[in-house]
Amino acid sequence: MKKGDLIHVRACKSDGTIYRSWHATIESVETDAIVTISPIGDPVQDLVRGSFRARHILRSYYWLDRFYNLIEVFGDDGNLRQIYINVASPPRLEDGHMDYTDHELDVSKVPNRKAELVDEDEFAEAIVKYRYSQEFQQKLWHVAMEAMDLAGRWQAGSVPYFGGDRA
């Protein structure tokens, strides 16, 4: 896996169901993280919404030792629209794809506003559906608070450049 490689990203529910998938280009590989980029218009497969085209330019950070991933969301004008953090498992890499388990609790930060916790209702449903233990719930709440702090101080990079079809 190296810069410029295409990777299939799959977001999973806690029962292993893939609920969303897309292809992304690897922007960088570090010892502790993989950074991917995706252009506007790339196809996304979603279990509920079906197939659709991405409406934003994305740069995603997947840390190998953290229970969240971070997405920089850019508009077609190149301006940052949002920082979005999924409370999720570290990524699992295998055979040209990268999977992570989404634990339903998220953080959203738009420019000039404070970070906010979102999807608490989905998290409450997941607690029941997937039988998250009290200990696991506490861990995820702690991770969410850490993600809130990170979102508040995150300095986004410049909008990714896509030469030709991909980066």
N, C-alpha and C. Protein backbone atom coordinates (compact mmCIF):
# COMPACT_ATOMS: atom_id res chain seq x y z
N MET A 1 0.85 -1.16 0.00
CA MET A 1 0.00 0.00 0.00
C MET A 1 0.90 1.24 0.00
N LYS A 2 0.63 2.10 -1.01
CA LYS A 2 1.46 3.29 -1.13
C LYS A 2 0.66 4.45 -1.70
N LYS A 3 1.24 5.63 -1.65
CA LYS A 3 0.59 6.83 -2.17
C LYS A 3 0.15 6.58 -3.62
N GLY A 4 -1.09 6.98 -3.89
CA GLY A 4 -1.63 6.82 -5.24
C GLY A 4 -2.42 5.54 -5.46
N ASP A 5 -2.26 4.56 -4.57
CA ASP A 5 -3.02 3.32 -4.70
C ASP A 5 -4.50 3.59 -4.44
N LEU A 6 -5.33 2.83 -5.10
CA LEU A 6 -6.77 2.89 -4.87
C LEU A 6 -7.12 1.84 -3.83
N ILE A 7 -7.95 2.21 -2.86
CA ILE A 7 -8.36 1.28 -1.81
C ILE A 7 -9.89 1.32 -1.68
N HIS A 8 -10.47 0.17 -1.42
CA HIS A 8 -11.91 0.06 -1.22
C HIS A 8 -12.18 0.22 0.28
N VAL A 9 -12.90 1.26 0.65
CA VAL A 9 -13.22 1.54 2.05
C VAL A 9 -14.62 1.03 2.34
N ARG A 10 -14.77 0.31 3.44
CA ARG A 10 -16.08 -0.24 3.80
C ARG A 10 -16.40 0.08 5.25
N ALA A 11 -17.49 0.82 5.44
CA ALA A 11 -17.97 1.15 6.78
C ALA A 11 -18.97 0.08 7.20
N CYS A 12 -18.75 -0.49 8.39
CA CYS A 12 -19.56 -1.61 8.86
C CYS A 12 -20.32 -1.26 10.13
N LYS A 13 -21.44 -1.90 10.31
CA LYS A 13 -22.16 -1.84 11.57
C LYS A 13 -21.48 -2.81 12.54
N SER A 14 -21.88 -2.78 13.79
CA SER A 14 -21.24 -3.62 14.80
C SER A 14 -21.47 -5.11 14.59
N ASP A 15 -22.47 -5.47 13.78
CA ASP A 15 -22.70 -6.88 13.49
C ASP A 15 -21.93 -7.34 12.24
N GLY A 16 -21.13 -6.45 11.66
CA GLY A 16 -20.33 -6.77 10.49
C GLY A 16 -20.98 -6.40 9.16
N THR A 17 -22.23 -5.99 9.17
CA THR A 17 -22.91 -5.58 7.94
C THR A 17 -22.22 -4.35 7.34
N ILE A 18 -21.88 -4.44 6.07
CA ILE A 18 -21.30 -3.28 5.37
C ILE A 18 -22.47 -2.38 4.99
N TYR A 19 -22.49 -1.15 5.52
CA TYR A 19 -23.60 -0.25 5.22
C TYR A 19 -23.22 0.82 4.21
N ARG A 20 -21.93 1.06 4.02
CA ARG A 20 -21.51 2.04 3.01
C ARG A 20 -20.12 1.65 2.52
N SER A 21 -19.89 1.82 1.23
CA SER A 21 -18.56 1.54 0.69
C SER A 21 -18.26 2.46 -0.49
N TRP A 22 -16.99 2.71 -0.71
CA TRP A 22 -16.52 3.58 -1.78
C TRP A 22 -15.05 3.32 -2.01
N HIS A 23 -14.54 3.80 -3.11
CA HIS A 23 -13.11 3.72 -3.39
C HIS A 23 -12.48 5.07 -3.12
N ALA A 24 -11.26 5.04 -2.60
CA ALA A 24 -10.53 6.27 -2.29
C ALA A 24 -9.08 6.07 -2.73
N THR A 25 -8.40 7.17 -2.96
CA THR A 25 -6.99 7.15 -3.32
C THR A 25 -6.17 7.41 -2.06
N ILE A 26 -5.13 6.63 -1.88
CA ILE A 26 -4.26 6.83 -0.73
C ILE A 26 -3.39 8.07 -0.97
N GLU A 27 -3.53 9.04 -0.08
CA GLU A 27 -2.73 10.27 -0.17
C GLU A 27 -1.40 10.10 0.55
N SER A 28 -1.43 9.38 1.69
CA SER A 28 -0.19 9.10 2.42
C SER A 28 -0.38 7.90 3.33
N VAL A 29 0.73 7.26 3.62
CA VAL A 29 0.76 6.14 4.57
C VAL A 29 1.84 6.47 5.58
N GLU A 30 1.44 6.58 6.85
CA GLU A 30 2.37 6.87 7.94
C GLU A 30 2.46 5.62 8.81
N THR A 31 3.33 5.63 9.80
CA THR A 31 3.44 4.47 10.68
C THR A 31 2.17 4.26 11.49
N ASP A 32 1.44 5.35 11.78
CA ASP A 32 0.25 5.24 12.63
C ASP A 32 -1.05 5.61 11.93
N ALA A 33 -1.02 5.92 10.63
CA ALA A 33 -2.25 6.38 9.97
C ALA A 33 -2.18 6.19 8.45
N ILE A 34 -3.37 6.11 7.88
CA ILE A 34 -3.54 6.10 6.43
C ILE A 34 -4.46 7.28 6.11
N VAL A 35 -4.06 8.08 5.13
CA VAL A 35 -4.86 9.23 4.71
C VAL A 35 -5.33 8.97 3.29
N THR A 36 -6.65 9.11 3.08
CA THR A 36 -7.21 8.90 1.74
C THR A 36 -7.89 10.18 1.26
N ILE A 37 -8.05 10.28 -0.05
CA ILE A 37 -8.77 11.40 -0.65
C ILE A 37 -9.76 10.85 -1.67
N SER A 38 -10.88 11.57 -1.81
CA SER A 38 -11.93 11.17 -2.75
C SER A 38 -12.51 12.41 -3.40
N PRO A 39 -12.67 12.40 -4.73
CA PRO A 39 -13.21 13.58 -5.42
C PRO A 39 -14.74 13.60 -5.45
N ILE A 40 -15.26 14.75 -5.78
CA ILE A 40 -16.70 14.88 -6.03
C ILE A 40 -17.05 13.95 -7.20
N GLY A 41 -18.20 13.34 -7.12
CA GLY A 41 -18.70 12.53 -8.23
C GLY A 41 -18.35 11.06 -8.17
N ASP A 42 -17.47 10.67 -7.24
CA ASP A 42 -17.14 9.25 -7.13
C ASP A 42 -18.36 8.47 -6.63
N PRO A 43 -18.55 7.24 -7.11
CA PRO A 43 -19.70 6.46 -6.67
C PRO A 43 -19.55 5.96 -5.23
N VAL A 44 -20.67 5.96 -4.52
CA VAL A 44 -20.76 5.46 -3.15
C VAL A 44 -21.92 4.48 -3.13
N GLN A 45 -21.70 3.33 -2.49
CA GLN A 45 -22.77 2.36 -2.31
C GLN A 45 -23.25 2.43 -0.86
N ASP A 46 -24.55 2.55 -0.68
CA ASP A 46 -25.11 2.69 0.66
C ASP A 46 -26.27 1.71 0.81
N LEU A 47 -26.29 1.00 1.93
CA LEU A 47 -27.30 -0.02 2.18
C LEU A 47 -28.71 0.54 2.15
N VAL A 48 -28.91 1.77 2.62
CA VAL A 48 -30.24 2.38 2.67
C VAL A 48 -30.52 3.25 1.44
N ARG A 49 -29.57 4.09 1.09
CA ARG A 49 -29.77 5.06 0.00
C ARG A 49 -29.48 4.49 -1.38
N GLY A 50 -28.88 3.32 -1.45
CA GLY A 50 -28.51 2.76 -2.74
C GLY A 50 -27.23 3.39 -3.24
N SER A 51 -27.08 3.46 -4.56
CA SER A 51 -25.90 4.02 -5.18
C SER A 51 -26.09 5.51 -5.42
N PHE A 52 -25.07 6.31 -5.08
CA PHE A 52 -25.14 7.75 -5.35
C PHE A 52 -23.72 8.26 -5.59
N ARG A 53 -23.62 9.48 -6.04
CA ARG A 53 -22.33 10.12 -6.32
C ARG A 53 -21.97 11.06 -5.16
N ALA A 54 -20.71 11.03 -4.77
CA ALA A 54 -20.24 11.90 -3.69
C ALA A 54 -20.44 13.37 -4.07
N ARG A 55 -20.93 14.16 -3.11
CA ARG A 55 -21.21 15.58 -3.38
C ARG A 55 -20.10 16.50 -2.88
N HIS A 56 -19.08 15.93 -2.23
CA HIS A 56 -18.00 16.74 -1.68
C HIS A 56 -16.65 16.09 -1.95
N ILE A 57 -15.60 16.89 -1.83
CA ILE A 57 -14.23 16.40 -1.87
C ILE A 57 -13.88 16.02 -0.43
N LEU A 58 -13.30 14.84 -0.25
CA LEU A 58 -13.01 14.35 1.10
C LEU A 58 -11.54 14.01 1.27
N ARG A 59 -11.02 14.32 2.46
CA ARG A 59 -9.74 13.79 2.91
C ARG A 59 -10.04 13.10 4.23
N SER A 60 -9.70 11.83 4.32
CA SER A 60 -10.03 11.04 5.51
C SER A 60 -8.76 10.51 6.17
N TYR A 61 -8.73 10.62 7.49
CA TYR A 61 -7.61 10.15 8.30
C TYR A 61 -8.07 8.93 9.09
N TYR A 62 -7.38 7.82 8.88
CA TYR A 62 -7.68 6.58 9.60
C TYR A 62 -6.45 6.21 10.43
N TRP A 63 -6.54 6.43 11.73
CA TRP A 63 -5.44 6.10 12.62
C TRP A 63 -5.53 4.63 13.00
N LEU A 64 -4.38 3.97 13.02
CA LEU A 64 -4.34 2.53 13.29
C LEU A 64 -4.51 2.19 14.76
N ASP A 65 -4.39 3.21 15.62
CA ASP A 65 -4.47 2.96 17.06
C ASP A 65 -5.51 3.82 17.77
N ARG A 66 -6.43 4.42 17.01
CA ARG A 66 -7.45 5.28 17.62
C ARG A 66 -8.85 4.80 17.27
N PHE A 67 -9.78 5.03 18.16
CA PHE A 67 -11.16 4.60 17.96
C PHE A 67 -12.01 5.70 17.32
N TYR A 68 -11.44 6.36 16.33
CA TYR A 68 -12.19 7.32 15.52
C TYR A 68 -11.43 7.55 14.22
N ASN A 69 -12.15 8.06 13.23
CA ASN A 69 -11.52 8.54 12.01
C ASN A 69 -12.07 9.93 11.73
N LEU A 70 -11.31 10.71 11.00
CA LEU A 70 -11.65 12.12 10.79
C LEU A 70 -11.73 12.40 9.30
N ILE A 71 -12.76 13.15 8.91
CA ILE A 71 -12.97 13.49 7.50
C ILE A 71 -12.99 15.01 7.36
N GLU A 72 -12.15 15.52 6.46
CA GLU A 72 -12.21 16.92 6.06
C GLU A 72 -13.13 16.96 4.84
N VAL A 73 -14.19 17.74 4.91
CA VAL A 73 -15.19 17.82 3.84
C VAL A 73 -15.04 19.18 3.16
N PHE A 74 -14.74 19.17 1.85
CA PHE A 74 -14.55 20.39 1.08
C PHE A 74 -15.64 20.52 0.02
N GLY A 75 -16.05 21.76 -0.24
CA GLY A 75 -17.00 22.02 -1.32
C GLY A 75 -16.28 22.06 -2.66
N ASP A 76 -17.06 22.14 -3.72
CA ASP A 76 -16.46 22.19 -5.06
C ASP A 76 -15.69 23.49 -5.30
N ASP A 77 -15.88 24.47 -4.42
CA ASP A 77 -15.13 25.72 -4.50
C ASP A 77 -13.80 25.64 -3.76
N GLY A 78 -13.52 24.47 -3.14
CA GLY A 78 -12.27 24.27 -2.42
C GLY A 78 -12.29 24.70 -0.97
N ASN A 79 -13.39 25.26 -0.52
CA ASN A 79 -13.49 25.71 0.87
C ASN A 79 -13.90 24.56 1.79
N LEU A 80 -13.33 24.57 2.99
CA LEU A 80 -13.69 23.58 3.99
C LEU A 80 -15.13 23.78 4.42
N ARG A 81 -15.92 22.73 4.40
CA ARG A 81 -17.32 22.79 4.80
C ARG A 81 -17.54 22.20 6.20
N GLN A 82 -16.74 21.19 6.54
CA GLN A 82 -16.99 20.48 7.79
C GLN A 82 -15.81 19.59 8.14
N ILE A 83 -15.62 19.40 9.43
CA ILE A 83 -14.78 18.33 9.97
C ILE A 83 -15.78 17.35 10.59
N TYR A 84 -15.68 16.09 10.20
CA TYR A 84 -16.61 15.08 10.70
C TYR A 84 -15.79 13.92 11.26
N ILE A 85 -16.09 13.54 12.49
CA ILE A 85 -15.36 12.45 13.12
C ILE A 85 -16.32 11.33 13.47
N ASN A 86 -16.03 10.15 12.95
CA ASN A 86 -16.78 8.94 13.30
C ASN A 86 -16.12 8.27 14.49
N VAL A 87 -16.86 8.02 15.56
CA VAL A 87 -16.36 7.16 16.63
C VAL A 87 -16.46 5.75 16.07
N ALA A 88 -15.31 5.13 15.88
CA ALA A 88 -15.25 3.87 15.12
C ALA A 88 -14.01 3.07 15.53
N SER A 89 -14.01 1.83 15.15
CA SER A 89 -12.83 1.00 15.40
C SER A 89 -11.67 1.49 14.55
N PRO A 90 -10.45 1.14 14.96
CA PRO A 90 -9.33 1.37 14.05
C PRO A 90 -9.58 0.57 12.76
N PRO A 91 -9.01 0.99 11.65
CA PRO A 91 -9.26 0.27 10.40
C PRO A 91 -8.62 -1.12 10.39
N ARG A 92 -9.27 -2.00 9.65
CA ARG A 92 -8.74 -3.35 9.41
C ARG A 92 -8.40 -3.42 7.92
N LEU A 93 -7.16 -3.78 7.62
CA LEU A 93 -6.67 -3.80 6.24
C LEU A 93 -6.51 -5.22 5.75
N GLU A 94 -7.06 -5.48 4.56
CA GLU A 94 -6.95 -6.82 4.01
C GLU A 94 -7.30 -6.82 2.53
N ASP A 95 -6.47 -7.42 1.71
CA ASP A 95 -6.74 -7.66 0.30
C ASP A 95 -7.29 -6.45 -0.47
N GLY A 96 -6.64 -5.30 -0.34
CA GLY A 96 -7.05 -4.14 -1.11
C GLY A 96 -8.26 -3.39 -0.59
N HIS A 97 -8.72 -3.76 0.60
CA HIS A 97 -9.81 -2.99 1.19
C HIS A 97 -9.50 -2.67 2.65
N MET A 98 -10.20 -1.65 3.11
CA MET A 98 -10.03 -1.19 4.49
C MET A 98 -11.42 -1.10 5.11
N ASP A 99 -11.64 -1.84 6.17
CA ASP A 99 -12.91 -1.85 6.87
C ASP A 99 -12.76 -1.16 8.23
N TYR A 100 -13.84 -0.56 8.68
CA TYR A 100 -13.90 -0.09 10.06
C TYR A 100 -15.33 -0.26 10.55
N THR A 101 -15.47 -0.41 11.85
CA THR A 101 -16.78 -0.54 12.47
C THR A 101 -17.19 0.81 13.03
N ASP A 102 -18.32 1.30 12.55
CA ASP A 102 -18.86 2.58 12.97
C ASP A 102 -19.72 2.34 14.21
N HIS A 103 -19.42 3.04 15.29
CA HIS A 103 -20.17 2.85 16.53
C HIS A 103 -21.28 3.88 16.72
N GLU A 104 -21.62 4.61 15.65
CA GLU A 104 -22.81 5.46 15.56
C GLU A 104 -22.72 6.81 16.24
N LEU A 105 -21.73 7.05 17.06
CA LEU A 105 -21.60 8.33 17.75
C LEU A 105 -20.60 9.17 16.96
N ASP A 106 -20.97 10.41 16.62
CA ASP A 106 -20.14 11.22 15.74
C ASP A 106 -19.97 12.64 16.27
N VAL A 107 -18.98 13.33 15.72
CA VAL A 107 -18.72 14.73 16.04
C VAL A 107 -18.69 15.51 14.73
N SER A 108 -19.35 16.66 14.74
CA SER A 108 -19.38 17.53 13.56
C SER A 108 -18.89 18.92 13.95
N LYS A 109 -18.05 19.49 13.09
CA LYS A 109 -17.58 20.86 13.31
C LYS A 109 -17.58 21.58 11.98
N VAL A 110 -18.37 22.63 11.88
CA VAL A 110 -18.36 23.48 10.70
C VAL A 110 -17.54 24.73 11.03
N PRO A 111 -16.93 25.34 10.02
CA PRO A 111 -16.10 26.53 10.29
C PRO A 111 -16.86 27.60 11.07
N ASN A 112 -16.14 28.22 11.99
CA ASN A 112 -16.65 29.32 12.83
C ASN A 112 -17.76 28.90 13.80
N ARG A 113 -17.84 27.62 14.08
CA ARG A 113 -18.78 27.12 15.10
C ARG A 113 -18.05 26.12 15.98
N LYS A 114 -18.64 25.85 17.12
CA LYS A 114 -18.08 24.86 18.03
C LYS A 114 -18.39 23.45 17.53
N ALA A 115 -17.53 22.52 17.90
CA ALA A 115 -17.79 21.11 17.59
C ALA A 115 -19.01 20.65 18.37
N GLU A 116 -19.79 19.77 17.76
CA GLU A 116 -20.95 19.24 18.46
C GLU A 116 -21.06 17.73 18.28
N LEU A 117 -21.57 17.10 19.30
CA LEU A 117 -21.83 15.67 19.28
C LEU A 117 -23.12 15.44 18.49
N VAL A 118 -23.10 14.49 17.55
CA VAL A 118 -24.28 14.21 16.74
C VAL A 118 -24.55 12.71 16.74
N ASP A 119 -25.74 12.36 16.33
CA ASP A 119 -26.19 10.97 16.20
C ASP A 119 -26.27 10.22 17.52
N GLU A 120 -26.53 10.95 18.59
CA GLU A 120 -26.67 10.30 19.89
C GLU A 120 -27.86 9.33 19.89
N ASP A 121 -28.88 9.64 19.10
CA ASP A 121 -30.03 8.74 18.99
C ASP A 121 -29.63 7.41 18.33
N GLU A 122 -28.80 7.49 17.30
CA GLU A 122 -28.33 6.27 16.64
C GLU A 122 -27.45 5.45 17.59
N PHE A 123 -26.66 6.13 18.39
CA PHE A 123 -25.82 5.45 19.37
C PHE A 123 -26.69 4.73 20.40
N ALA A 124 -27.75 5.40 20.86
CA ALA A 124 -28.67 4.78 21.83
C ALA A 124 -29.30 3.52 21.24
N GLU A 125 -29.66 3.56 19.97
CA GLU A 125 -30.22 2.38 19.31
C GLU A 125 -29.18 1.27 19.20
N ALA A 126 -27.94 1.65 18.87
CA ALA A 126 -26.86 0.66 18.73
C ALA A 126 -26.56 -0.02 20.06
N ILE A 127 -26.65 0.73 21.16
CA ILE A 127 -26.40 0.15 22.48
C ILE A 127 -27.33 -1.03 22.71
N VAL A 128 -28.59 -0.85 22.35
CA VAL A 128 -29.58 -1.92 22.53
C VAL A 128 -29.39 -3.03 21.49
N LYS A 129 -29.33 -2.63 20.23
CA LYS A 129 -29.26 -3.61 19.13
C LYS A 129 -28.02 -4.51 19.22
N TYR A 130 -26.87 -3.90 19.51
CA TYR A 130 -25.62 -4.66 19.51
C TYR A 130 -25.14 -5.02 20.92
N ARG A 131 -25.95 -4.69 21.90
CA ARG A 131 -25.68 -5.04 23.29
C ARG A 131 -24.31 -4.58 23.77
N TYR A 132 -24.04 -3.29 23.55
CA TYR A 132 -22.79 -2.72 24.03
C TYR A 132 -22.76 -2.81 25.55
N SER A 133 -21.68 -3.32 26.10
CA SER A 133 -21.54 -3.39 27.55
C SER A 133 -21.41 -1.98 28.12
N GLN A 134 -21.67 -1.86 29.42
CA GLN A 134 -21.51 -0.57 30.09
C GLN A 134 -20.08 -0.06 29.94
N GLU A 135 -19.13 -0.96 30.07
CA GLU A 135 -17.72 -0.59 29.94
C GLU A 135 -17.42 -0.07 28.53
N PHE A 136 -17.96 -0.75 27.51
CA PHE A 136 -17.73 -0.33 26.12
C PHE A 136 -18.40 1.02 25.85
N GLN A 137 -19.61 1.21 26.37
CA GLN A 137 -20.30 2.49 26.22
C GLN A 137 -19.46 3.62 26.82
N GLN A 138 -18.92 3.40 28.00
CA GLN A 138 -18.11 4.43 28.65
C GLN A 138 -16.86 4.74 27.83
N LYS A 139 -16.26 3.69 27.27
CA LYS A 139 -15.08 3.89 26.42
C LYS A 139 -15.45 4.77 25.22
N LEU A 140 -16.59 4.48 24.58
CA LEU A 140 -16.99 5.24 23.40
C LEU A 140 -17.35 6.69 23.75
N TRP A 141 -17.97 6.91 24.91
CA TRP A 141 -18.24 8.29 25.34
C TRP A 141 -16.93 9.04 25.57
N HIS A 142 -15.95 8.36 26.17
CA HIS A 142 -14.65 8.97 26.39
C HIS A 142 -14.00 9.33 25.05
N VAL A 143 -14.06 8.41 24.09
CA VAL A 143 -13.52 8.65 22.75
C VAL A 143 -14.23 9.84 22.10
N ALA A 144 -15.55 9.92 22.26
CA ALA A 144 -16.32 11.02 21.67
C ALA A 144 -15.87 12.37 22.25
N MET A 145 -15.58 12.42 23.54
CA MET A 145 -15.11 13.66 24.16
C MET A 145 -13.71 14.03 23.62
N GLU A 146 -12.88 13.02 23.45
CA GLU A 146 -11.56 13.24 22.86
C GLU A 146 -11.71 13.76 21.42
N ALA A 147 -12.66 13.20 20.68
CA ALA A 147 -12.92 13.63 19.30
C ALA A 147 -13.45 15.06 19.25
N MET A 148 -14.26 15.43 20.22
CA MET A 148 -14.77 16.82 20.30
C MET A 148 -13.59 17.79 20.45
N ASP A 149 -12.66 17.44 21.32
CA ASP A 149 -11.48 18.28 21.52
C ASP A 149 -10.65 18.35 20.25
N LEU A 150 -10.44 17.22 19.61
CA LEU A 150 -9.66 17.19 18.37
C LEU A 150 -10.32 18.05 17.29
N ALA A 151 -11.62 17.91 17.11
CA ALA A 151 -12.34 18.68 16.09
C ALA A 151 -12.21 20.18 16.34
N GLY A 152 -12.21 20.56 17.61
CA GLY A 152 -12.12 21.97 17.95
C GLY A 152 -10.78 22.60 17.64
N ARG A 153 -9.73 21.80 17.60
CA ARG A 153 -8.40 22.36 17.35
C ARG A 153 -7.79 21.89 16.02
N TRP A 154 -8.53 21.10 15.25
CA TRP A 154 -8.02 20.55 13.98
C TRP A 154 -7.77 21.66 12.97
N GLN A 155 -6.62 21.60 12.32
CA GLN A 155 -6.29 22.53 11.23
C GLN A 155 -6.31 21.73 9.93
N ALA A 156 -7.34 21.93 9.13
CA ALA A 156 -7.48 21.18 7.89
C ALA A 156 -6.39 21.56 6.90
N GLY A 157 -6.01 20.59 6.09
CA GLY A 157 -5.07 20.85 5.01
C GLY A 157 -5.77 21.56 3.86
N SER A 158 -5.03 21.83 2.83
CA SER A 158 -5.64 22.44 1.65
C SER A 158 -6.45 21.38 0.92
N VAL A 159 -7.37 21.84 0.10
CA VAL A 159 -8.22 20.91 -0.64
C VAL A 159 -7.35 19.98 -1.48
N PRO A 160 -7.66 18.68 -1.51
CA PRO A 160 -6.86 17.76 -2.33
C PRO A 160 -6.94 18.13 -3.81
N TYR A 161 -5.83 17.91 -4.49
CA TYR A 161 -5.77 18.13 -5.94
C TYR A 161 -5.90 16.80 -6.65
N PHE A 162 -6.74 16.76 -7.65
CA PHE A 162 -6.94 15.54 -8.43
C PHE A 162 -6.52 15.81 -9.86
N GLY A 163 -5.38 15.26 -10.22
CA GLY A 163 -4.90 15.38 -11.60
C GLY A 163 -5.41 14.18 -12.39
N GLY A 164 -5.94 14.40 -13.57
CA GLY A 164 -6.49 13.28 -14.33
C GLY A 164 -7.73 12.76 -13.64
N ASP A 165 -7.88 11.45 -13.63
CA ASP A 165 -9.07 10.84 -13.02
C ASP A 165 -8.98 10.77 -11.51
N ARG A 166 -7.77 10.62 -10.99
CA ARG A 166 -7.59 10.45 -9.54
C ARG A 166 -6.40 11.28 -9.10
N ALA A 167 -6.14 11.28 -7.81
CA ALA A 167 -5.02 12.09 -7.28
C ALA A 167 -3.69 11.60 -7.81
